All heavy atoms as atom14 arrays in JSON, in Angstrom:
{
  "sequence": "DTAHWCTVIDDLLDDDYRYRQLSEIARRESCLPEFSLQSVLAQFWRIV",
  "atom14_mask": [
    [1, 1, 1, 1, 1, 1, 1, 1, 0, 0, 0, 0, 0, 0],
    [1, 1, 1, 1, 1, 1, 1, 0, 0, 0, 0, 0, 0, 0],
    [1, 1, 1, 1, 1, 0, 0, 0, 0, 0, 0, 0, 0, 0],
    [1, 1, 1, 1, 1, 1, 1, 1, 1, 1, 0, 0, 0, 0],
    [1, 1, 1, 1, 1, 1, 1, 1, 1, 1, 1, 1, 1, 1],
    [1, 1, 1, 1, 1, 1, 0, 0, 0, 0, 0, 0, 0, 0],
    [1, 1, 1, 1, 1, 1, 1, 0, 0, 0, 0, 0, 0, 0],
    [1, 1, 1, 1, 1, 1, 1, 0, 0, 0, 0, 0, 0, 0],
    [1, 1, 1, 1, 1, 1, 1, 1, 0, 0, 0, 0, 0, 0],
    [1, 1, 1, 1, 1, 1, 1, 1, 0, 0, 0, 0, 0, 0],
    [1, 1, 1, 1, 1, 1, 1, 1, 0, 0, 0, 0, 0, 0],
    [1, 1, 1, 1, 1, 1, 1, 1, 0, 0, 0, 0, 0, 0],
    [1, 1, 1, 1, 1, 1, 1, 1, 0, 0, 0, 0, 0, 0],
    [1, 1, 1, 1, 1, 1, 1, 1, 0, 0, 0, 0, 0, 0],
    [1, 1, 1, 1, 1, 1, 1, 1, 0, 0, 0, 0, 0, 0],
    [1, 1, 1, 1, 1, 1, 1, 1, 0, 0, 0, 0, 0, 0],
    [1, 1, 1, 1, 1, 1, 1, 1, 1, 1, 1, 1, 0, 0],
    [1, 1, 1, 1, 1, 1, 1, 1, 1, 1, 1, 0, 0, 0],
    [1, 1, 1, 1, 1, 1, 1, 1, 1, 1, 1, 1, 0, 0],
    [1, 1, 1, 1, 1, 1, 1, 1, 1, 1, 1, 0, 0, 0],
    [1, 1, 1, 1, 1, 1, 1, 1, 1, 0, 0, 0, 0, 0],
    [1, 1, 1, 1, 1, 1, 1, 1, 0, 0, 0, 0, 0, 0],
    [1, 1, 1, 1, 1, 1, 0, 0, 0, 0, 0, 0, 0, 0],
    [1, 1, 1, 1, 1, 1, 1, 1, 1, 0, 0, 0, 0, 0],
    [1, 1, 1, 1, 1, 1, 1, 1, 0, 0, 0, 0, 0, 0],
    [1, 1, 1, 1, 1, 0, 0, 0, 0, 0, 0, 0, 0, 0],
    [1, 1, 1, 1, 1, 1, 1, 1, 1, 1, 1, 0, 0, 0],
    [1, 1, 1, 1, 1, 1, 1, 1, 1, 1, 1, 0, 0, 0],
    [1, 1, 1, 1, 1, 1, 1, 1, 1, 0, 0, 0, 0, 0],
    [1, 1, 1, 1, 1, 1, 0, 0, 0, 0, 0, 0, 0, 0],
    [1, 1, 1, 1, 1, 1, 0, 0, 0, 0, 0, 0, 0, 0],
    [1, 1, 1, 1, 1, 1, 1, 1, 0, 0, 0, 0, 0, 0],
    [1, 1, 1, 1, 1, 1, 1, 0, 0, 0, 0, 0, 0, 0],
    [1, 1, 1, 1, 1, 1, 1, 1, 1, 0, 0, 0, 0, 0],
    [1, 1, 1, 1, 1, 1, 1, 1, 1, 1, 1, 0, 0, 0],
    [1, 1, 1, 1, 1, 1, 0, 0, 0, 0, 0, 0, 0, 0],
    [1, 1, 1, 1, 1, 1, 1, 1, 0, 0, 0, 0, 0, 0],
    [1, 1, 1, 1, 1, 1, 1, 1, 1, 0, 0, 0, 0, 0],
    [1, 1, 1, 1, 1, 1, 0, 0, 0, 0, 0, 0, 0, 0],
    [1, 1, 1, 1, 1, 1, 1, 0, 0, 0, 0, 0, 0, 0],
    [1, 1, 1, 1, 1, 1, 1, 1, 0, 0, 0, 0, 0, 0],
    [1, 1, 1, 1, 1, 0, 0, 0, 0, 0, 0, 0, 0, 0],
    [1, 1, 1, 1, 1, 1, 1, 1, 1, 0, 0, 0, 0, 0],
    [1, 1, 1, 1, 1, 1, 1, 1, 1, 1, 1, 0, 0, 0],
    [1, 1, 1, 1, 1, 1, 1, 1, 1, 1, 1, 1, 1, 1],
    [1, 1, 1, 1, 1, 1, 1, 1, 1, 1, 1, 0, 0, 0],
    [1, 1, 1, 1, 1, 1, 1, 1, 0, 0, 0, 0, 0, 0],
    [1, 1, 1, 1, 1, 1, 1, 0, 0, 0, 0, 0, 0, 0]
  ],
  "atom14_positions": [
    [[-53.52, 29.7, 15.71], [-52.1, 29.39, 15.81], [-51.85, 27.88, 15.78], [-52.78, 27.06, 15.74], [-51.49, 30.01, 17.06], [-52.11, 29.48, 18.36], [-52.92, 28.53, 18.32], [-51.77, 30.03, 19.42], [0.0, 0.0, 0.0], [0.0, 0.0, 0.0], [0.0, 0.0, 0.0], [0.0, 0.0, 0.0], [0.0, 0.0, 0.0], [0.0, 0.0, 0.0]],
    [[-50.58, 27.52, 15.82], [-50.16, 26.12, 15.78], [-50.78, 25.31, 16.91], [-51.21, 24.17, 16.69], [-48.62, 26.03, 15.86], [-48.07, 26.72, 14.73], [-48.13, 24.6, 15.86], [0.0, 0.0, 0.0], [0.0, 0.0, 0.0], [0.0, 0.0, 0.0], [0.0, 0.0, 0.0], [0.0, 0.0, 0.0], [0.0, 0.0, 0.0], [0.0, 0.0, 0.0]],
    [[-50.82, 25.87, 18.09], [-51.38, 25.15, 19.24], [-52.82, 24.73, 18.98], [-53.23, 23.62, 19.33], [-51.29, 26.0, 20.5], [0.0, 0.0, 0.0], [0.0, 0.0, 0.0], [0.0, 0.0, 0.0], [0.0, 0.0, 0.0], [0.0, 0.0, 0.0], [0.0, 0.0, 0.0], [0.0, 0.0, 0.0], [0.0, 0.0, 0.0], [0.0, 0.0, 0.0]],
    [[-53.59, 25.58, 18.34], [-54.98, 25.25, 18.04], [-55.04, 24.09, 17.04], [-55.81, 23.15, 17.22], [-55.72, 26.47, 17.49], [-57.16, 26.2, 17.22], [-58.1, 26.12, 18.21], [-57.81, 25.96, 16.05], [-59.28, 25.85, 17.68], [-59.14, 25.75, 16.36], [0.0, 0.0, 0.0], [0.0, 0.0, 0.0], [0.0, 0.0, 0.0], [0.0, 0.0, 0.0]],
    [[-54.22, 24.16, 15.98], [-54.17, 23.06, 15.01], [-53.84, 21.74, 15.72], [-54.47, 20.72, 15.47], [-53.14, 23.35, 13.93], [-53.6, 24.28, 12.85], [-53.59, 25.65, 12.89], [-54.15, 23.92, 11.58], [-54.1, 26.15, 11.71], [-54.43, 25.1, 10.89], [-54.4, 22.7, 10.95], [-54.97, 25.12, 9.6], [-54.93, 22.72, 9.66], [-55.22, 23.91, 9.01]],
    [[-52.85, 21.78, 16.59], [-52.42, 20.57, 17.3], [-53.55, 20.01, 18.16], [-53.76, 18.78, 18.2], [-51.19, 20.86, 18.15], [-49.73, 21.27, 17.18], [0.0, 0.0, 0.0], [0.0, 0.0, 0.0], [0.0, 0.0, 0.0], [0.0, 0.0, 0.0], [0.0, 0.0, 0.0], [0.0, 0.0, 0.0], [0.0, 0.0, 0.0], [0.0, 0.0, 0.0]],
    [[-54.27, 20.87, 18.84], [-55.38, 20.43, 19.68], [-56.45, 19.76, 18.83], [-56.97, 18.69, 19.18], [-55.97, 21.62, 20.46], [-54.96, 22.15, 21.32], [-57.19, 21.2, 21.27], [0.0, 0.0, 0.0], [0.0, 0.0, 0.0], [0.0, 0.0, 0.0], [0.0, 0.0, 0.0], [0.0, 0.0, 0.0], [0.0, 0.0, 0.0], [0.0, 0.0, 0.0]],
    [[-56.78, 20.37, 17.7], [-57.81, 19.81, 16.82], [-57.37, 18.45, 16.29], [-58.16, 17.49, 16.26], [-58.13, 20.79, 15.66], [-58.99, 20.14, 14.6], [-58.79, 22.05, 16.21], [0.0, 0.0, 0.0], [0.0, 0.0, 0.0], [0.0, 0.0, 0.0], [0.0, 0.0, 0.0], [0.0, 0.0, 0.0], [0.0, 0.0, 0.0], [0.0, 0.0, 0.0]],
    [[-56.12, 18.32, 15.89], [-55.59, 17.05, 15.37], [-55.65, 15.98, 16.45], [-56.18, 14.88, 16.23], [-54.15, 17.23, 14.85], [-54.15, 18.12, 13.6], [-53.5, 15.87, 14.57], [-52.76, 18.63, 13.21], [0.0, 0.0, 0.0], [0.0, 0.0, 0.0], [0.0, 0.0, 0.0], [0.0, 0.0, 0.0], [0.0, 0.0, 0.0], [0.0, 0.0, 0.0]],
    [[-55.1, 16.28, 17.63], [-55.11, 15.29, 18.72], [-56.53, 14.91, 19.12], [-56.83, 13.73, 19.32], [-54.36, 15.82, 19.94], [-52.86, 15.57, 19.86], [-52.43, 14.66, 19.12], [-52.11, 16.29, 20.55], [0.0, 0.0, 0.0], [0.0, 0.0, 0.0], [0.0, 0.0, 0.0], [0.0, 0.0, 0.0], [0.0, 0.0, 0.0], [0.0, 0.0, 0.0]],
    [[-57.41, 15.9, 19.23], [-58.79, 15.61, 19.62], [-59.46, 14.67, 18.62], [-60.15, 13.73, 19.03], [-59.62, 16.9, 19.74], [-59.28, 17.71, 20.97], [-58.51, 17.23, 21.84], [-59.77, 18.87, 21.06], [0.0, 0.0, 0.0], [0.0, 0.0, 0.0], [0.0, 0.0, 0.0], [0.0, 0.0, 0.0], [0.0, 0.0, 0.0], [0.0, 0.0, 0.0]],
    [[-59.25, 14.9, 17.34], [-59.87, 14.04, 16.34], [-59.26, 12.63, 16.36], [-59.98, 11.63, 16.35], [-59.73, 14.64, 14.93], [-60.3, 13.79, 13.8], [-61.79, 13.51, 14.01], [-60.06, 14.46, 12.45], [0.0, 0.0, 0.0], [0.0, 0.0, 0.0], [0.0, 0.0, 0.0], [0.0, 0.0, 0.0], [0.0, 0.0, 0.0], [0.0, 0.0, 0.0]],
    [[-57.95, 12.55, 16.39], [-57.3, 11.24, 16.33], [-57.48, 10.44, 17.62], [-57.38, 9.21, 17.59], [-55.81, 11.4, 16.0], [-55.53, 11.92, 14.59], [-54.03, 12.12, 14.39], [-56.09, 10.98, 13.52], [0.0, 0.0, 0.0], [0.0, 0.0, 0.0], [0.0, 0.0, 0.0], [0.0, 0.0, 0.0], [0.0, 0.0, 0.0], [0.0, 0.0, 0.0]],
    [[-57.78, 11.11, 18.72], [-57.98, 10.41, 19.99], [-59.45, 10.06, 20.26], [-59.76, 9.43, 21.27], [-57.44, 11.25, 21.15], [-55.92, 11.37, 21.11], [-55.27, 10.55, 20.43], [-55.39, 12.31, 21.74], [0.0, 0.0, 0.0], [0.0, 0.0, 0.0], [0.0, 0.0, 0.0], [0.0, 0.0, 0.0], [0.0, 0.0, 0.0], [0.0, 0.0, 0.0]],
    [[-60.34, 10.45, 19.36], [-61.77, 10.19, 19.53], [-62.24, 9.27, 18.39], [-62.61, 9.74, 17.32], [-62.53, 11.52, 19.51], [-64.02, 11.36, 19.78], [-64.56, 10.25, 19.63], [-64.65, 12.39, 20.13], [0.0, 0.0, 0.0], [0.0, 0.0, 0.0], [0.0, 0.0, 0.0], [0.0, 0.0, 0.0], [0.0, 0.0, 0.0], [0.0, 0.0, 0.0]],
    [[-62.18, 7.95, 18.64], [-62.53, 6.98, 17.6], [-63.92, 7.18, 17.02], [-64.13, 7.07, 15.82], [-62.41, 5.55, 18.14], [-60.97, 5.15, 18.38], [-60.06, 5.75, 17.79], [-60.76, 4.21, 19.2], [0.0, 0.0, 0.0], [0.0, 0.0, 0.0], [0.0, 0.0, 0.0], [0.0, 0.0, 0.0], [0.0, 0.0, 0.0], [0.0, 0.0, 0.0]],
    [[-64.9, 7.46, 17.88], [-66.27, 7.64, 17.41], [-66.37, 8.83, 16.45], [-66.92, 8.73, 15.36], [-67.23, 7.81, 18.58], [-68.64, 8.09, 18.12], [-69.45, 7.06, 17.64], [-69.15, 9.38, 18.15], [-70.73, 7.31, 17.19], [-70.43, 9.65, 17.7], [-71.22, 8.62, 17.22], [-72.49, 8.88, 16.77], [0.0, 0.0, 0.0], [0.0, 0.0, 0.0]],
    [[-65.84, 9.96, 16.87], [-65.9, 11.16, 16.03], [-65.12, 10.95, 14.74], [-65.56, 11.36, 13.67], [-65.36, 12.38, 16.78], [-65.5, 13.65, 15.96], [-65.34, 14.89, 16.81], [-65.59, 16.08, 16.03], [-64.73, 17.08, 15.9], [-63.58, 17.05, 16.54], [-65.03, 18.12, 15.18], [0.0, 0.0, 0.0], [0.0, 0.0, 0.0], [0.0, 0.0, 0.0]],
    [[-63.98, 10.3, 14.84], [-63.18, 10.03, 13.64], [-63.99, 9.19, 12.64], [-64.07, 9.52, 11.46], [-61.87, 9.31, 13.99], [-61.06, 9.05, 12.75], [-60.2, 10.01, 12.26], [-61.22, 7.86, 12.04], [-59.5, 9.78, 11.08], [-60.52, 7.63, 10.87], [-59.66, 8.6, 10.4], [-58.99, 8.39, 9.22], [0.0, 0.0, 0.0], [0.0, 0.0, 0.0]],
    [[-64.58, 8.09, 13.11], [-65.36, 7.22, 12.21], [-66.55, 7.98, 11.62], [-66.89, 7.8, 10.44], [-65.83, 5.98, 12.95], [-64.74, 4.95, 13.17], [-65.27, 3.6, 13.63], [-66.21, 3.66, 14.74], [-65.87, 3.71, 16.02], [-64.59, 3.71, 16.36], [-66.78, 3.75, 16.97], [0.0, 0.0, 0.0], [0.0, 0.0, 0.0], [0.0, 0.0, 0.0]],
    [[-67.16, 8.82, 12.42], [-68.3, 9.61, 11.96], [-67.87, 10.56, 10.83], [-68.51, 10.61, 9.78], [-68.88, 10.39, 13.14], [-70.17, 11.11, 12.85], [-70.67, 11.82, 14.11], [-69.89, 12.33, 14.91], [-71.98, 11.85, 14.28], [0.0, 0.0, 0.0], [0.0, 0.0, 0.0], [0.0, 0.0, 0.0], [0.0, 0.0, 0.0], [0.0, 0.0, 0.0]],
    [[-66.79, 11.3, 11.03], [-66.31, 12.23, 10.0], [-65.86, 11.48, 8.75], [-66.09, 11.94, 7.62], [-65.18, 13.11, 10.53], [-65.57, 14.22, 11.49], [-64.34, 15.01, 11.92], [-66.61, 15.15, 10.88], [0.0, 0.0, 0.0], [0.0, 0.0, 0.0], [0.0, 0.0, 0.0], [0.0, 0.0, 0.0], [0.0, 0.0, 0.0], [0.0, 0.0, 0.0]],
    [[-65.22, 10.34, 8.95], [-64.76, 9.54, 7.82], [-65.94, 9.11, 6.94], [-65.88, 9.22, 5.71], [-64.01, 8.31, 8.34], [-63.62, 7.49, 7.27], [0.0, 0.0, 0.0], [0.0, 0.0, 0.0], [0.0, 0.0, 0.0], [0.0, 0.0, 0.0], [0.0, 0.0, 0.0], [0.0, 0.0, 0.0], [0.0, 0.0, 0.0], [0.0, 0.0, 0.0]],
    [[-67.0, 8.65, 7.56], [-68.19, 8.21, 6.8], [-68.86, 9.39, 6.1], [-69.26, 9.29, 4.94], [-69.17, 7.5, 7.73], [-70.42, 7.02, 7.03], [-70.15, 6.14, 5.81], [-69.2, 5.34, 5.84], [-70.91, 6.26, 4.82], [0.0, 0.0, 0.0], [0.0, 0.0, 0.0], [0.0, 0.0, 0.0], [0.0, 0.0, 0.0], [0.0, 0.0, 0.0]],
    [[-68.99, 10.5, 6.8], [-69.6, 11.69, 6.19], [-68.75, 12.15, 5.01], [-69.27, 12.49, 3.94], [-69.77, 12.82, 7.22], [-70.82, 12.43, 8.26], [-70.17, 14.13, 6.54], [-70.86, 13.36, 9.47], [0.0, 0.0, 0.0], [0.0, 0.0, 0.0], [0.0, 0.0, 0.0], [0.0, 0.0, 0.0], [0.0, 0.0, 0.0], [0.0, 0.0, 0.0]],
    [[-67.43, 12.17, 5.18], [-66.53, 12.59, 4.1], [-66.73, 11.72, 2.87], [-66.87, 12.21, 1.75], [-65.08, 12.54, 4.58], [0.0, 0.0, 0.0], [0.0, 0.0, 0.0], [0.0, 0.0, 0.0], [0.0, 0.0, 0.0], [0.0, 0.0, 0.0], [0.0, 0.0, 0.0], [0.0, 0.0, 0.0], [0.0, 0.0, 0.0], [0.0, 0.0, 0.0]],
    [[-66.72, 10.41, 3.07], [-66.89, 9.48, 1.96], [-68.23, 9.71, 1.25], [-68.3, 9.77, 0.03], [-66.79, 8.04, 2.46], [-66.63, 7.01, 1.37], [-66.56, 5.59, 1.91], [-65.68, 5.38, 3.03], [-64.37, 5.14, 2.94], [-63.8, 5.09, 1.77], [-63.65, 4.93, 4.03], [0.0, 0.0, 0.0], [0.0, 0.0, 0.0], [0.0, 0.0, 0.0]],
    [[-69.28, 9.87, 2.03], [-70.62, 10.07, 1.47], [-70.71, 11.39, 0.7], [-71.23, 11.45, -0.41], [-71.65, 10.01, 2.59], [-73.08, 9.87, 2.13], [-74.06, 9.59, 3.26], [-73.98, 10.51, 4.38], [-73.58, 10.17, 5.61], [-73.23, 8.93, 5.9], [-73.55, 11.07, 6.57], [0.0, 0.0, 0.0], [0.0, 0.0, 0.0], [0.0, 0.0, 0.0]],
    [[-70.18, 12.47, 1.3], [-70.29, 13.78, 0.65], [-69.4, 13.91, -0.58], [-69.69, 14.72, -1.46], [-70.0, 14.9, 1.65], [-71.13, 15.09, 2.64], [-71.01, 16.34, 3.47], [-70.01, 17.09, 3.34], [-71.94, 16.59, 4.26], [0.0, 0.0, 0.0], [0.0, 0.0, 0.0], [0.0, 0.0, 0.0], [0.0, 0.0, 0.0], [0.0, 0.0, 0.0]],
    [[-68.34, 13.13, -0.67], [-67.49, 13.19, -1.86], [-68.23, 12.7, -3.1], [-67.82, 12.99, -4.22], [-66.21, 12.38, -1.66], [-66.48, 10.99, -1.72], [0.0, 0.0, 0.0], [0.0, 0.0, 0.0], [0.0, 0.0, 0.0], [0.0, 0.0, 0.0], [0.0, 0.0, 0.0], [0.0, 0.0, 0.0], [0.0, 0.0, 0.0], [0.0, 0.0, 0.0]],
    [[-69.32, 11.99, -2.89], [-70.12, 11.44, -4.0], [-71.31, 12.34, -4.35], [-72.15, 11.93, -5.16], [-70.61, 10.04, -3.66], [-69.29, 8.87, -3.4], [0.0, 0.0, 0.0], [0.0, 0.0, 0.0], [0.0, 0.0, 0.0], [0.0, 0.0, 0.0], [0.0, 0.0, 0.0], [0.0, 0.0, 0.0], [0.0, 0.0, 0.0], [0.0, 0.0, 0.0]],
    [[-71.41, 13.5, -3.75], [-72.52, 14.39, -4.05], [-72.52, 14.76, -5.53], [-71.46, 14.9, -6.14], [-72.44, 15.66, -3.2], [-72.69, 15.49, -1.69], [-72.41, 16.79, -0.95], [-74.11, 15.02, -1.44], [0.0, 0.0, 0.0], [0.0, 0.0, 0.0], [0.0, 0.0, 0.0], [0.0, 0.0, 0.0], [0.0, 0.0, 0.0], [0.0, 0.0, 0.0]],
    [[-73.69, 14.93, -6.12], [-73.78, 15.22, -7.55], [-72.97, 16.45, -8.0], [-72.43, 16.46, -9.09], [-75.28, 15.44, -7.78], [-75.96, 14.78, -6.64], [-75.0, 14.81, -5.49], [0.0, 0.0, 0.0], [0.0, 0.0, 0.0], [0.0, 0.0, 0.0], [0.0, 0.0, 0.0], [0.0, 0.0, 0.0], [0.0, 0.0, 0.0], [0.0, 0.0, 0.0]],
    [[-72.88, 17.47, -7.15], [-72.16, 18.68, -7.57], [-70.66, 18.46, -7.77], [-69.99, 19.28, -8.38], [-72.4, 19.85, -6.6], [-71.98, 19.59, -5.18], [-73.13, 19.16, -4.28], [-74.06, 18.5, -4.74], [-73.07, 19.5, -3.09], [0.0, 0.0, 0.0], [0.0, 0.0, 0.0], [0.0, 0.0, 0.0], [0.0, 0.0, 0.0], [0.0, 0.0, 0.0]],
    [[-70.13, 17.33, -7.29], [-68.72, 17.04, -7.49], [-68.48, 16.03, -8.62], [-67.34, 15.64, -8.87], [-68.09, 16.51, -6.2], [-68.12, 17.53, -5.08], [-68.66, 17.2, -3.85], [-67.62, 18.8, -5.26], [-68.7, 18.12, -2.82], [-67.65, 19.74, -4.24], [-68.19, 19.4, -3.01], [0.0, 0.0, 0.0], [0.0, 0.0, 0.0], [0.0, 0.0, 0.0]],
    [[-69.54, 15.63, -9.31], [-69.37, 14.67, -10.41], [-68.71, 15.35, -11.6], [-68.78, 16.58, -11.77], [-70.73, 14.1, -10.84], [-71.48, 15.09, -11.52], [0.0, 0.0, 0.0], [0.0, 0.0, 0.0], [0.0, 0.0, 0.0], [0.0, 0.0, 0.0], [0.0, 0.0, 0.0], [0.0, 0.0, 0.0], [0.0, 0.0, 0.0], [0.0, 0.0, 0.0]],
    [[-68.09, 14.57, -12.44], [-67.44, 15.09, -13.64], [-68.45, 15.83, -14.52], [-68.17, 16.92, -15.02], [-66.78, 13.96, -14.43], [-66.12, 14.35, -15.75], [-65.01, 15.37, -15.51], [-65.58, 13.12, -16.45], [0.0, 0.0, 0.0], [0.0, 0.0, 0.0], [0.0, 0.0, 0.0], [0.0, 0.0, 0.0], [0.0, 0.0, 0.0], [0.0, 0.0, 0.0]],
    [[-69.63, 15.29, -14.66], [-70.66, 15.92, -15.49], [-71.04, 17.29, -14.95], [-71.18, 18.26, -15.71], [-71.91, 15.02, -15.58], [-71.69, 13.72, -16.3], [-71.02, 12.66, -15.43], [-70.81, 12.83, -14.22], [-70.64, 11.56, -16.05], [0.0, 0.0, 0.0], [0.0, 0.0, 0.0], [0.0, 0.0, 0.0], [0.0, 0.0, 0.0], [0.0, 0.0, 0.0]],
    [[-71.2, 17.39, -13.65], [-71.57, 18.65, -13.04], [-70.45, 19.69, -13.18], [-70.71, 20.85, -13.5], [-71.89, 18.44, -11.56], [-72.2, 19.66, -10.95], [0.0, 0.0, 0.0], [0.0, 0.0, 0.0], [0.0, 0.0, 0.0], [0.0, 0.0, 0.0], [0.0, 0.0, 0.0], [0.0, 0.0, 0.0], [0.0, 0.0, 0.0], [0.0, 0.0, 0.0]],
    [[-69.22, 19.26, -12.95], [-68.08, 20.19, -13.06], [-67.94, 20.69, -14.49], [-67.74, 21.88, -14.74], [-66.78, 19.51, -12.56], [-65.57, 20.37, -12.87], [-66.87, 19.24, -11.06], [0.0, 0.0, 0.0], [0.0, 0.0, 0.0], [0.0, 0.0, 0.0], [0.0, 0.0, 0.0], [0.0, 0.0, 0.0], [0.0, 0.0, 0.0], [0.0, 0.0, 0.0]],
    [[-68.08, 19.78, -15.47], [-67.99, 20.2, -16.88], [-69.13, 21.13, -17.27], [-68.92, 22.11, -17.99], [-67.97, 18.97, -17.79], [-66.66, 18.19, -17.81], [-66.8, 16.91, -18.63], [-65.52, 19.05, -18.33], [0.0, 0.0, 0.0], [0.0, 0.0, 0.0], [0.0, 0.0, 0.0], [0.0, 0.0, 0.0], [0.0, 0.0, 0.0], [0.0, 0.0, 0.0]],
    [[-70.32, 20.83, -16.79], [-71.46, 21.7, -17.09], [-71.23, 23.1, -16.53], [-71.49, 24.1, -17.22], [-72.75, 21.1, -16.52], [0.0, 0.0, 0.0], [0.0, 0.0, 0.0], [0.0, 0.0, 0.0], [0.0, 0.0, 0.0], [0.0, 0.0, 0.0], [0.0, 0.0, 0.0], [0.0, 0.0, 0.0], [0.0, 0.0, 0.0], [0.0, 0.0, 0.0]],
    [[-70.72, 23.19, -15.31], [-70.42, 24.49, -14.71], [-69.33, 25.21, -15.49], [-69.41, 26.41, -15.73], [-70.0, 24.32, -13.24], [-69.65, 25.61, -12.53], [-70.83, 26.55, -12.38], [-71.99, 26.19, -12.52], [-70.54, 27.8, -12.12], [0.0, 0.0, 0.0], [0.0, 0.0, 0.0], [0.0, 0.0, 0.0], [0.0, 0.0, 0.0], [0.0, 0.0, 0.0]],
    [[-68.31, 24.47, -15.9], [-67.22, 25.05, -16.7], [-67.78, 25.68, -17.97], [-67.46, 26.82, -18.31], [-66.19, 23.98, -17.05], [-65.15, 24.43, -18.04], [-64.11, 25.25, -17.65], [-65.25, 24.06, -19.38], [-63.15, 25.68, -18.56], [-64.3, 24.49, -20.29], [-63.26, 25.3, -19.89], [0.0, 0.0, 0.0], [0.0, 0.0, 0.0], [0.0, 0.0, 0.0]],
    [[-68.62, 24.95, -18.69], [-69.16, 25.46, -19.95], [-70.11, 26.64, -19.72], [-70.17, 27.56, -20.54], [-69.83, 24.35, -20.76], [-68.78, 23.45, -21.35], [-68.55, 22.15, -21.05], [-67.77, 23.82, -22.31], [-67.46, 21.66, -21.75], [-66.97, 22.68, -22.54], [-67.45, 25.0, -22.98], [-65.89, 22.68, -23.41], [-66.37, 24.99, -23.85], [-65.61, 23.86, -24.06]],
    [[-70.83, 26.66, -18.61], [-71.66, 27.83, -18.29], [-70.78, 29.06, -18.11], [-71.12, 30.14, -18.58], [-72.48, 27.58, -17.03], [-73.77, 26.79, -17.26], [-74.71, 26.84, -16.05], [-74.19, 26.17, -14.88], [-74.26, 24.86, -14.66], [-74.8, 24.06, -15.54], [-73.77, 24.34, -13.54], [0.0, 0.0, 0.0], [0.0, 0.0, 0.0], [0.0, 0.0, 0.0]],
    [[-69.66, 28.88, -17.45], [-68.74, 30.01, -17.24], [-68.14, 30.45, -18.57], [-68.07, 31.65, -18.87], [-67.64, 29.63, -16.22], [-68.27, 29.47, -14.84], [-66.53, 30.68, -16.2], [-67.36, 28.83, -13.81], [0.0, 0.0, 0.0], [0.0, 0.0, 0.0], [0.0, 0.0, 0.0], [0.0, 0.0, 0.0], [0.0, 0.0, 0.0], [0.0, 0.0, 0.0]],
    [[-67.73, 29.51, -19.39], [-67.15, 29.84, -20.7], [-68.17, 30.6, -21.55], [-67.84, 31.59, -22.22], [-66.67, 28.57, -21.43], [-66.36, 28.85, -22.89], [-65.46, 27.99, -20.72], [0.0, 0.0, 0.0], [0.0, 0.0, 0.0], [0.0, 0.0, 0.0], [0.0, 0.0, 0.0], [0.0, 0.0, 0.0], [0.0, 0.0, 0.0], [0.0, 0.0, 0.0]]
  ]
}
């Protein structure tokens, strides 16, 4: 429910260490090879 979402949001925004940790992990994982243009196109053509 909404209350749970609110708790999760407040907990994350009020915890600087956890926030910085998730931010760094997010940035690093966005560069994973499976999300590259080449990988996405290769998967698309396999499906086609």
